[in-house]
Amino acid sequence: MAYVTAPDRTTARDIARAVVDQRLAACANLWPVESVYRWHGKREETNEFVIVFKTRAVLLPKLIGEVRRLHPSEVPCIVSYRMGAALDEYLDWIDAETVQR
């Protein structure tokens, strides 16, 4: 899975659509969040959108590259983590809906 933040709903949707259309992820969930973080030595507070992608580990480098290409931020939040135990049929669906290479 990959966790990405975007500065607004439009950007999040554009990134999600591009990644899913390229079959780098089977699904993208988007939701609004408030973020508090440090940037260039000072505290920032902003509203953002989170994107959680469901994908396969082998596709993460390409997914990260595509998000980086599309993302407007200097250093976007793009992190991944292993999916834990899941319904076998759901994992089969992710496999079927993503690029097979």
PDB file of N, CA and C in Angstrom:
ATOM      1  N   MET A   1       0.847  -1.167   0.000  1.00  0.00           N
ATOM      2  CA  MET A   1       0.000   0.000   0.000  1.00  0.00           C
ATOM      3  C   MET A   1       0.893   1.230   0.000  1.00  0.00           C
ATOM      4  N   ALA A   2       0.368   2.307  -0.547  1.00  0.00           N
ATOM      5  CA  ALA A   2       1.107   3.563  -0.556  1.00  0.00           C
ATOM      6  C   ALA A   2       0.224   4.660   0.019  1.00  0.00           C
ATOM      7  N   TYR A   3       0.838   5.525   0.810  1.00  0.00           N
ATOM      8  CA  TYR A   3       0.175   6.647   1.472  1.00  0.00           C
ATOM      9  C   TYR A   3       0.768   7.922   0.895  1.00  0.00           C
ATOM     10  N   VAL A   4      -0.099   8.782   0.374  1.00  0.00           N
ATOM     11  CA  VAL A   4       0.337  10.018  -0.277  1.00  0.00           C
ATOM     12  C   VAL A   4      -0.541  11.148   0.240  1.00  0.00           C
ATOM     13  N   THR A   5       0.034  12.338   0.431  1.00  0.00           N
ATOM     14  CA  THR A   5      -0.796  13.503   0.705  1.00  0.00           C
ATOM     15  C   THR A   5      -0.712  14.446  -0.489  1.00  0.00           C
ATOM     16  N   ALA A   6      -1.812  15.173  -0.696  1.00  0.00           N
ATOM     17  CA  ALA A   6      -1.893  16.142  -1.790  1.00  0.00           C
ATOM     18  C   ALA A   6      -2.456  17.445  -1.224  1.00  0.00           C
ATOM     19  N   PRO A   7      -2.150  18.568  -1.855  1.00  0.00           N
ATOM     20  CA  PRO A   7      -2.562  19.856  -1.293  1.00  0.00           C
ATOM     21  C   PRO A   7      -4.057  20.147  -1.389  1.00  0.00           C
ATOM     22  N   ASP A   8      -4.780  19.444  -2.259  1.00  0.00           N
ATOM     23  CA  ASP A   8      -6.208  19.723  -2.422  1.00  0.00           C
ATOM     24  C   ASP A   8      -6.887  18.538  -3.103  1.00  0.00           C
ATOM     25  N   ARG A   9      -8.221  18.581  -3.130  1.00  0.00           N
ATOM     26  CA  ARG A   9      -9.012  17.487  -3.693  1.00  0.00           C
ATOM     27  C   ARG A   9      -8.718  17.284  -5.181  1.00  0.00           C
ATOM     28  N   THR A  10      -8.615  18.367  -5.934  1.00  0.00           N
ATOM     29  CA  THR A  10      -8.383  18.259  -7.376  1.00  0.00           C
ATOM     30  C   THR A  10      -7.069  17.561  -7.668  1.00  0.00           C
ATOM     31  N   THR A  11      -6.017  17.964  -6.995  1.00  0.00           N
ATOM     32  CA  THR A  11      -4.709  17.334  -7.190  1.00  0.00           C
ATOM     33  C   THR A  11      -4.757  15.873  -6.787  1.00  0.00           C
ATOM     34  N   ALA A  12      -5.391  15.581  -5.655  1.00  0.00           N
ATOM     35  CA  ALA A  12      -5.496  14.188  -5.191  1.00  0.00           C
ATOM     36  C   ALA A  12      -6.237  13.339  -6.222  1.00  0.00           C
ATOM     37  N   ARG A  13      -7.349  13.849  -6.742  1.00  0.00           N
ATOM     38  CA  ARG A  13      -8.098  13.097  -7.750  1.00  0.00           C
ATOM     39  C   ARG A  13      -7.278  12.884  -9.014  1.00  0.00           C
ATOM     40  N   ASP A  14      -6.589  13.920  -9.458  1.00  0.00           N
ATOM     41  CA  ASP A  14      -5.777  13.797 -10.677  1.00  0.00           C
ATOM     42  C   ASP A  14      -4.700  12.732 -10.509  1.00  0.00           C
ATOM     43  N   ILE A  15      -4.021  12.747  -9.372  1.00  0.00           N
ATOM     44  CA  ILE A  15      -2.982  11.752  -9.107  1.00  0.00           C
ATOM     45  C   ILE A  15      -3.601  10.356  -9.016  1.00  0.00           C
ATOM     46  N   ALA A  16      -4.693  10.231  -8.266  1.00  0.00           N
ATOM     47  CA  ALA A  16      -5.344   8.928  -8.099  1.00  0.00           C
ATOM     48  C   ALA A  16      -5.796   8.368  -9.441  1.00  0.00           C
ATOM     49  N   ARG A  17      -6.427   9.195 -10.251  1.00  0.00           N
ATOM     50  CA  ARG A  17      -6.907   8.729 -11.551  1.00  0.00           C
ATOM     51  C   ARG A  17      -5.762   8.279 -12.452  1.00  0.00           C
ATOM     52  N   ALA A  18      -4.681   9.043 -12.470  1.00  0.00           N
ATOM     53  CA  ALA A  18      -3.540   8.679 -13.320  1.00  0.00           C
ATOM     54  C   ALA A  18      -2.943   7.340 -12.894  1.00  0.00           C
ATOM     55  N   VAL A  19      -2.762   7.157 -11.598  1.00  0.00           N
ATOM     56  CA  VAL A  19      -2.157   5.920 -11.091  1.00  0.00           C
ATOM     57  C   VAL A  19      -3.067   4.717 -11.364  1.00  0.00           C
ATOM     58  N   VAL A  20      -4.362   4.860 -11.111  1.00  0.00           N
ATOM     59  CA  VAL A  20      -5.288   3.755 -11.353  1.00  0.00           C
ATOM     60  C   VAL A  20      -5.430   3.498 -12.857  1.00  0.00           C
ATOM     61  N   ASP A  21      -5.500   4.565 -13.665  1.00  0.00           N
ATOM     62  CA  ASP A  21      -5.608   4.382 -15.119  1.00  0.00           C
ATOM     63  C   ASP A  21      -4.400   3.646 -15.693  1.00  0.00           C
ATOM     64  N   GLN A  22      -3.229   3.865 -15.114  1.00  0.00           N
ATOM     65  CA  GLN A  22      -2.020   3.179 -15.573  1.00  0.00           C
ATOM     66  C   GLN A  22      -1.886   1.784 -14.952  1.00  0.00           C
ATOM     67  N   ARG A  23      -2.845   1.416 -14.157  1.00  0.00           N
ATOM     68  CA  ARG A  23      -2.902   0.110 -13.492  1.00  0.00           C
ATOM     69  C   ARG A  23      -1.721  -0.121 -12.557  1.00  0.00           C
ATOM     70  N   LEU A  24      -1.221   0.974 -11.984  1.00  0.00           N
ATOM     71  CA  LEU A  24      -0.176   0.882 -10.975  1.00  0.00           C
ATOM     72  C   LEU A  24      -0.778   0.622  -9.594  1.00  0.00           C
ATOM     73  N   ALA A  25      -2.084   0.817  -9.472  1.00  0.00           N
ATOM     74  CA  ALA A  25      -2.833   0.490  -8.263  1.00  0.00           C
ATOM     75  C   ALA A  25      -4.234   0.080  -8.691  1.00  0.00           C
ATOM     76  N   ALA A  26      -4.842  -0.782  -7.903  1.00  0.00           N
ATOM     77  CA  ALA A  26      -6.202  -1.217  -8.201  1.00  0.00           C
ATOM     78  C   ALA A  26      -7.228  -0.225  -7.681  1.00  0.00           C
ATOM     79  N   CYS A  27      -6.852   0.544  -6.664  1.00  0.00           N
ATOM     80  CA  CYS A  27      -7.798   1.415  -5.985  1.00  0.00           C
ATOM     81  C   CYS A  27      -7.057   2.557  -5.319  1.00  0.00           C
ATOM     82  N   ALA A  28      -7.745   3.683  -5.200  1.00  0.00           N
ATOM     83  CA  ALA A  28      -7.225   4.820  -4.439  1.00  0.00           C
ATOM     84  C   ALA A  28      -8.354   5.365  -3.586  1.00  0.00           C
ATOM     85  N   ASN A  29      -8.126   5.497  -2.299  1.00  0.00           N
ATOM     86  CA  ASN A  29      -9.092   6.118  -1.389  1.00  0.00           C
ATOM     87  C   ASN A  29      -8.602   7.520  -1.063  1.00  0.00           C
ATOM     88  N   LEU A  30      -9.508   8.482  -1.074  1.00  0.00           N
ATOM     89  CA  LEU A  30      -9.170   9.879  -0.790  1.00  0.00           C
ATOM     90  C   LEU A  30     -10.015  10.379   0.373  1.00  0.00           C
ATOM     91  N   TRP A  31      -9.389  11.142   1.261  1.00  0.00           N
ATOM     92  CA  TRP A  31     -10.157  11.806   2.307  1.00  0.00           C
ATOM     93  C   TRP A  31      -9.398  13.028   2.807  1.00  0.00           C
ATOM     94  N   PRO A  32     -10.172  14.042   3.307  1.00  0.00           N
ATOM     95  CA  PRO A  32      -9.537  15.272   3.793  1.00  0.00           C
ATOM     96  C   PRO A  32      -8.932  15.074   5.172  1.00  0.00           C
ATOM     97  N   VAL A  33      -7.816  15.770   5.409  1.00  0.00           N
ATOM     98  CA  VAL A  33      -7.155  15.740   6.715  1.00  0.00           C
ATOM     99  C   VAL A  33      -6.617  17.129   7.042  1.00  0.00           C
ATOM    100  N   GLU A  34      -6.368  17.360   8.309  1.00  0.00           N
ATOM    101  CA  GLU A  34      -5.636  18.532   8.750  1.00  0.00           C
ATOM    102  C   GLU A  34      -4.234  18.066   9.106  1.00  0.00           C
ATOM    103  N   SER A  35      -3.239  18.800   8.656  1.00  0.00           N
ATOM    104  CA  SER A  35      -1.850  18.412   8.913  1.00  0.00           C
ATOM    105  C   SER A  35      -1.123  19.508   9.681  1.00  0.00           C
ATOM    106  N   VAL A  36      -0.316  19.084  10.642  1.00  0.00           N
ATOM    107  CA  VAL A  36       0.581  19.955  11.388  1.00  0.00           C
ATOM    108  C   VAL A  36       1.969  19.351  11.222  1.00  0.00           C
ATOM    109  N   TYR A  37       2.910  20.129  10.696  1.00  0.00           N
ATOM    110  CA  TYR A  37       4.238  19.588  10.419  1.00  0.00           C
ATOM    111  C   TYR A  37       5.270  20.712  10.433  1.00  0.00           C
ATOM    112  N   ARG A  38       6.538  20.322  10.450  1.00  0.00           N
ATOM    113  CA  ARG A  38       7.624  21.293  10.391  1.00  0.00           C
ATOM    114  C   ARG A  38       8.172  21.320   8.973  1.00  0.00           C
ATOM    115  N   TRP A  39       8.412  22.513   8.458  1.00  0.00           N
ATOM    116  CA  TRP A  39       8.964  22.679   7.117  1.00  0.00           C
ATOM    117  C   TRP A  39       9.856  23.909   7.120  1.00  0.00           C
ATOM    118  N   HIS A  40      11.119  23.733   6.729  1.00  0.00           N
ATOM    119  CA  HIS A  40      12.104  24.818   6.696  1.00  0.00           C
ATOM    120  C   HIS A  40      12.164  25.554   8.035  1.00  0.00           C
ATOM    121  N   GLY A  41      12.172  24.765   9.111  1.00  0.00           N
ATOM    122  CA  GLY A  41      12.394  25.313  10.442  1.00  0.00           C
ATOM    123  C   GLY A  41      11.198  25.931  11.130  1.00  0.00           C
ATOM    124  N   LYS A  42      10.017  25.849  10.539  1.00  0.00           N
ATOM    125  CA  LYS A  42       8.863  26.405  11.233  1.00  0.00           C
ATOM    126  C   LYS A  42       7.657  25.473  11.126  1.00  0.00           C
ATOM    127  N   ARG A  43       6.755  25.647  12.078  1.00  0.00           N
ATOM    128  CA  ARG A  43       5.548  24.822  12.092  1.00  0.00           C
ATOM    129  C   ARG A  43       4.573  25.321  11.037  1.00  0.00           C
ATOM    130  N   GLU A  44       4.006  24.366  10.297  1.00  0.00           N
ATOM    131  CA  GLU A  44       2.986  24.658   9.296  1.00  0.00           C
ATOM    132  C   GLU A  44       1.703  23.937   9.694  1.00  0.00           C
ATOM    133  N   GLU A  45       0.579  24.514   9.359  1.00  0.00           N
ATOM    134  CA  GLU A  45      -0.718  23.867   9.557  1.00  0.00           C
ATOM    135  C   GLU A  45      -1.522  24.081   8.291  1.00  0.00           C
ATOM    136  N   THR A  46      -2.056  22.978   7.745  1.00  0.00           N
ATOM    137  CA  THR A  46      -2.765  23.081   6.477  1.00  0.00           C
ATOM    138  C   THR A  46      -3.801  21.976   6.347  1.00  0.00           C
ATOM    139  N   ASN A  47      -4.718  22.168   5.434  1.00  0.00           N
ATOM    140  CA  ASN A  47      -5.670  21.133   5.045  1.00  0.00           C
ATOM    141  C   ASN A  47      -5.118  20.449   3.806  1.00  0.00           C
ATOM    142  N   GLU A  48      -5.172  19.132   3.798  1.00  0.00           N
ATOM    143  CA  GLU A  48      -4.659  18.348   2.676  1.00  0.00           C
ATOM    144  C   GLU A  48      -5.637  17.209   2.394  1.00  0.00           C
ATOM    145  N   PHE A  49      -5.320  16.440   1.373  1.00  0.00           N
ATOM    146  CA  PHE A  49      -6.050  15.208   1.088  1.00  0.00           C
ATOM    147  C   PHE A  49      -5.075  14.049   1.129  1.00  0.00           C
ATOM    148  N   VAL A  50      -5.499  12.962   1.754  1.00  0.00           N
ATOM    149  CA  VAL A  50      -4.725  11.728   1.804  1.00  0.00           C
ATOM    150  C   VAL A  50      -5.219  10.830   0.673  1.00  0.00           C
ATOM    151  N   ILE A  51      -4.276  10.158   0.030  1.00  0.00           N
ATOM    152  CA  ILE A  51      -4.578   9.124  -0.948  1.00  0.00           C
ATOM    153  C   ILE A  51      -3.933   7.840  -0.442  1.00  0.00           C
ATOM    154  N   VAL A  52      -4.713   6.786  -0.323  1.00  0.00           N
ATOM    155  CA  VAL A  52      -4.166   5.469   0.009  1.00  0.00           C
ATOM    156  C   VAL A  52      -4.390   4.574  -1.203  1.00  0.00           C
ATOM    157  N   PHE A  53      -3.287   4.098  -1.759  1.00  0.00           N
ATOM    158  CA  PHE A  53      -3.327   3.231  -2.935  1.00  0.00           C
ATOM    159  C   PHE A  53      -3.198   1.777  -2.516  1.00  0.00           C
ATOM    160  N   LYS A  54      -4.006   0.911  -3.144  1.00  0.00           N
ATOM    161  CA  LYS A  54      -3.867  -0.534  -2.974  1.00  0.00           C
ATOM    162  C   LYS A  54      -3.146  -1.054  -4.204  1.00  0.00           C
ATOM    163  N   THR A  55      -1.987  -1.646  -3.988  1.00  0.00           N
ATOM    164  CA  THR A  55      -1.154  -2.080  -5.100  1.00  0.00           C
ATOM    165  C   THR A  55      -0.342  -3.293  -4.698  1.00  0.00           C
ATOM    166  N   ARG A  56       0.545  -3.706  -5.584  1.00  0.00           N
ATOM    167  CA  ARG A  56       1.469  -4.804  -5.306  1.00  0.00           C
ATOM    168  C   ARG A  56       2.860  -4.228  -5.080  1.00  0.00           C
ATOM    169  N   ALA A  57       3.642  -4.868  -4.252  1.00  0.00           N
ATOM    170  CA  ALA A  57       4.970  -4.366  -3.896  1.00  0.00           C
ATOM    171  C   ALA A  57       5.847  -4.126  -5.123  1.00  0.00           C
ATOM    172  N   VAL A  58       5.754  -4.996  -6.107  1.00  0.00           N
ATOM    173  CA  VAL A  58       6.603  -4.872  -7.294  1.00  0.00           C
ATOM    174  C   VAL A  58       6.309  -3.583  -8.072  1.00  0.00           C
ATOM    175  N   LEU A  59       5.110  -3.024  -7.909  1.00  0.00           N
ATOM    176  CA  LEU A  59       4.735  -1.811  -8.643  1.00  0.00           C
ATOM    177  C   LEU A  59       5.051  -0.527  -7.896  1.00  0.00           C
ATOM    178  N   LEU A  60       5.481  -0.624  -6.647  1.00  0.00           N
ATOM    179  CA  LEU A  60       5.730   0.582  -5.852  1.00  0.00           C
ATOM    180  C   LEU A  60       6.738   1.544  -6.481  1.00  0.00           C
ATOM    181  N   PRO A  61       7.864   1.089  -7.016  1.00  0.00           N
ATOM    182  CA  PRO A  61       8.797   2.067  -7.609  1.00  0.00           C
ATOM    183  C   PRO A  61       8.155   2.887  -8.735  1.00  0.00           C
ATOM    184  N   LYS A  62       7.382   2.248  -9.595  1.00  0.00           N
ATOM    185  CA  LYS A  62       6.721   2.980 -10.678  1.00  0.00           C
ATOM    186  C   LYS A  62       5.626   3.886 -10.141  1.00  0.00           C
ATOM    187  N   LEU A  63       4.864   3.407  -9.169  1.00  0.00           N
ATOM    188  CA  LEU A  63       3.822   4.227  -8.557  1.00  0.00           C
ATOM    189  C   LEU A  63       4.430   5.468  -7.922  1.00  0.00           C
ATOM    190  N   ILE A  64       5.496   5.284  -7.160  1.00  0.00           N
ATOM    191  CA  ILE A  64       6.164   6.418  -6.515  1.00  0.00           C
ATOM    192  C   ILE A  64       6.681   7.391  -7.570  1.00  0.00           C
ATOM    193  N   GLY A  65       7.266   6.875  -8.632  1.00  0.00           N
ATOM    194  CA  GLY A  65       7.767   7.742  -9.699  1.00  0.00           C
ATOM    195  C   GLY A  65       6.662   8.543 -10.359  1.00  0.00           C
ATOM    196  N   GLU A  66       5.516   7.924 -10.597  1.00  0.00           N
ATOM    197  CA  GLU A  66       4.403   8.623 -11.236  1.00  0.00           C
ATOM    198  C   GLU A  66       3.809   9.680 -10.308  1.00  0.00           C
ATOM    199  N   VAL A  67       3.642   9.350  -9.035  1.00  0.00           N
ATOM    200  CA  VAL A  67       3.146  10.340  -8.083  1.00  0.00           C
ATOM    201  C   VAL A  67       4.123  11.514  -8.010  1.00  0.00           C
ATOM    202  N   ARG A  68       5.395  11.225  -7.950  1.00  0.00           N
ATOM    203  CA  ARG A  68       6.408  12.294  -7.875  1.00  0.00           C
ATOM    204  C   ARG A  68       6.343  13.185  -9.116  1.00  0.00           C
ATOM    205  N   ARG A  69       6.134  12.599 -10.279  1.00  0.00           N
ATOM    206  CA  ARG A  69       6.063  13.356 -11.522  1.00  0.00           C
ATOM    207  C   ARG A  69       4.858  14.299 -11.529  1.00  0.00           C
ATOM    208  N   LEU A  70       3.748  13.853 -10.972  1.00  0.00           N
ATOM    209  CA  LEU A  70       2.505  14.622 -11.010  1.00  0.00           C
ATOM    210  C   LEU A  70       2.333  15.582  -9.835  1.00  0.00           C
ATOM    211  N   HIS A  71       3.044  15.349  -8.759  1.00  0.00           N
ATOM    212  CA  HIS A  71       2.814  16.088  -7.514  1.00  0.00           C
ATOM    213  C   HIS A  71       3.436  17.483  -7.568  1.00  0.00           C
ATOM    214  N   PRO A  72       2.705  18.516  -7.114  1.00  0.00           N
ATOM    215  CA  PRO A  72       3.233  19.878  -7.179  1.00  0.00           C
ATOM    216  C   PRO A  72       4.211  20.251  -6.062  1.00  0.00           C
ATOM    217  N   SER A  73       4.286  19.456  -5.006  1.00  0.00           N
ATOM    218  CA  SER A  73       5.131  19.828  -3.868  1.00  0.00           C
ATOM    219  C   SER A  73       6.598  19.546  -4.128  1.00  0.00           C
ATOM    220  N   GLU A  74       7.440  20.328  -3.492  1.00  0.00           N
ATOM    221  CA  GLU A  74       8.896  20.149  -3.593  1.00  0.00           C
ATOM    222  C   GLU A  74       9.312  18.779  -3.066  1.00  0.00           C
ATOM    223  N   VAL A  75       8.774  18.406  -1.915  1.00  0.00           N
ATOM    224  CA  VAL A  75       9.060  17.104  -1.298  1.00  0.00           C
ATOM    225  C   VAL A  75       7.725  16.505  -0.842  1.00  0.00           C
ATOM    226  N   PRO A  76       7.033  15.810  -1.718  1.00  0.00           N
ATOM    227  CA  PRO A  76       5.732  15.267  -1.332  1.00  0.00           C
ATOM    228  C   PRO A  76       5.849  14.090  -0.377  1.00  0.00           C
ATOM    229  N   CYS A  77       4.804  13.902   0.405  1.00  0.00           N
ATOM    230  CA  CYS A  77       4.710  12.724   1.263  1.00  0.00           C
ATOM    231  C   CYS A  77       4.310  11.543   0.393  1.00  0.00           C
ATOM    232  N   ILE A  78       5.226  10.622   0.210  1.00  0.00           N
ATOM    233  CA  ILE A  78       4.952   9.376  -0.505  1.00  0.00           C
ATOM    234  C   ILE A  78       5.651   8.275   0.293  1.00  0.00           C
ATOM    235  N   VAL A  79       4.869   7.471   0.985  1.00  0.00           N
ATOM    236  CA  VAL A  79       5.438   6.371   1.770  1.00  0.00           C
ATOM    237  C   VAL A  79       4.650   5.099   1.475  1.00  0.00           C
ATOM    238  N   SER A  80       5.270   3.974   1.703  1.00  0.00           N
ATOM    239  CA  SER A  80       4.570   2.711   1.488  1.00  0.00           C
ATOM    240  C   SER A  80       4.712   1.846   2.724  1.00  0.00           C
ATOM    241  N   TYR A  81       3.806   0.903   2.830  1.00  0.00           N
ATOM    242  CA  TYR A  81       3.857  -0.053   3.923  1.00  0.00           C
ATOM    243  C   TYR A  81       3.236  -1.356   3.469  1.00  0.00           C
ATOM    244  N   ARG A  82       3.685  -2.426   4.072  1.00  0.00           N
ATOM    245  CA  ARG A  82       3.185  -3.748   3.721  1.00  0.00           C
ATOM    246  C   ARG A  82       1.753  -3.910   4.215  1.00  0.00           C
ATOM    247  N   MET A  83       0.951  -4.513   3.380  1.00  0.00           N
ATOM    248  CA  MET A  83      -0.412  -4.825   3.762  1.00  0.00           C
ATOM    249  C   MET A  83      -0.367  -6.052   4.659  1.00  0.00           C
ATOM    250  N   GLY A  84      -1.110  -6.015   5.722  1.00  0.00           N
ATOM    251  CA  GLY A  84      -1.192  -7.160   6.622  1.00  0.00           C
ATOM    252  C   GLY A  84      -2.125  -8.215   6.061  1.00  0.00           C
ATOM    253  N   ALA A  85      -2.568  -9.079   6.937  1.00  0.00           N
ATOM    254  CA  ALA A  85      -3.502 -10.131   6.536  1.00  0.00           C
ATOM    255  C   ALA A  85      -4.723  -9.497   5.878  1.00  0.00           C
ATOM    256  N   ALA A  86      -5.198 -10.112   4.812  1.00  0.00           N
ATOM    257  CA  ALA A  86      -6.334  -9.575   4.068  1.00  0.00           C
ATOM    258  C   ALA A  86      -7.144 -10.714   3.470  1.00  0.00           C
ATOM    259  N   LEU A  87      -8.347 -10.399   3.076  1.00  0.00           N
ATOM    260  CA  LEU A  87      -9.212 -11.356   2.406  1.00  0.00           C
ATOM    261  C   LEU A  87      -8.551 -11.805   1.108  1.00  0.00           C
ATOM    262  N   ASP A  88      -8.412 -13.099   0.906  1.00  0.00           N
ATOM    263  CA  ASP A  88      -7.742 -13.622  -0.286  1.00  0.00           C
ATOM    264  C   ASP A  88      -8.363 -13.094  -1.574  1.00  0.00           C
ATOM    265  N   GLU A  89      -9.691 -13.032  -1.612  1.00  0.00           N
ATOM    266  CA  GLU A  89     -10.362 -12.545  -2.813  1.00  0.00           C
ATOM    267  C   GLU A  89     -10.031 -11.077  -3.092  1.00  0.00           C
ATOM    268  N   TYR A  90      -9.832 -10.291  -2.047  1.00  0.00           N
ATOM    269  CA  TYR A  90      -9.457  -8.887  -2.226  1.00  0.00           C
ATOM    270  C   TYR A  90      -8.048  -8.785  -2.809  1.00  0.00           C
ATOM    271  N   LEU A  91      -7.146  -9.587  -2.306  1.00  0.00           N
ATOM    272  CA  LEU A  91      -5.780  -9.599  -2.839  1.00  0.00           C
ATOM    273  C   LEU A  91      -5.770 -10.077  -4.287  1.00  0.00           C
ATOM    274  N   ASP A  92      -6.603 -11.063  -4.607  1.00  0.00           N
ATOM    275  CA  ASP A  92      -6.713 -11.529  -5.992  1.00  0.00           C
ATOM    276  C   ASP A  92      -7.209 -10.398  -6.897  1.00  0.00           C
ATOM    277  N   TRP A  93      -8.158  -9.601  -6.405  1.00  0.00           N
ATOM    278  CA  TRP A  93      -8.682  -8.472  -7.169  1.00  0.00           C
ATOM    279  C   TRP A  93      -7.574  -7.452  -7.436  1.00  0.00           C
ATOM    280  N   ILE A  94      -6.772  -7.130  -6.412  1.00  0.00           N
ATOM    281  CA  ILE A  94      -5.651  -6.200  -6.611  1.00  0.00           C
ATOM    282  C   ILE A  94      -4.715  -6.740  -7.686  1.00  0.00           C
ATOM    283  N   ASP A  95      -4.388  -8.015  -7.603  1.00  0.00           N
ATOM    284  CA  ASP A  95      -3.516  -8.623  -8.612  1.00  0.00           C
ATOM    285  C   ASP A  95      -4.119  -8.517 -10.009  1.00  0.00           C
ATOM    286  N   ALA A  96      -5.417  -8.781 -10.134  1.00  0.00           N
ATOM    287  CA  ALA A  96      -6.077  -8.783 -11.439  1.00  0.00           C
ATOM    288  C   ALA A  96      -6.174  -7.385 -12.052  1.00  0.00           C
ATOM    289  N   GLU A  97      -6.256  -6.364 -11.211  1.00  0.00           N
ATOM    290  CA  GLU A  97      -6.479  -4.991 -11.697  1.00  0.00           C
ATOM    291  C   GLU A  97      -5.210  -4.166 -11.829  1.00  0.00           C
ATOM    292  N   THR A  98      -4.070  -4.772 -11.587  1.00  0.00           N
ATOM    293  CA  THR A  98      -2.809  -4.033 -11.731  1.00  0.00           C
ATOM    294  C   THR A  98      -1.952  -4.663 -12.820  1.00  0.00           C
ATOM    295  N   VAL A  99      -0.986  -3.880 -13.275  1.00  0.00           N
ATOM    296  CA  VAL A  99      -0.098  -4.314 -14.361  1.00  0.00           C
ATOM    297  C   VAL A  99       0.647  -5.561 -13.950  1.00  0.00           C
ATOM    298  N   GLN A 100       0.703  -6.532 -14.813  1.00  0.00           N
ATOM    299  CA  GLN A 100       1.420  -7.787 -14.550  1.00  0.00           C
ATOM    300  C   GLN A 100       2.744  -7.790 -15.270  1.00  0.00           C
ATOM    301  N   ARG A 101       3.819  -7.490 -14.557  1.00  0.00           N
ATOM    302  CA  ARG A 101       5.162  -7.486 -15.163  1.00  0.00           C
ATOM    303  C   ARG A 101       6.139  -8.177 -14.286  1.00  0.00           C
TER     304      ARG A 101
END
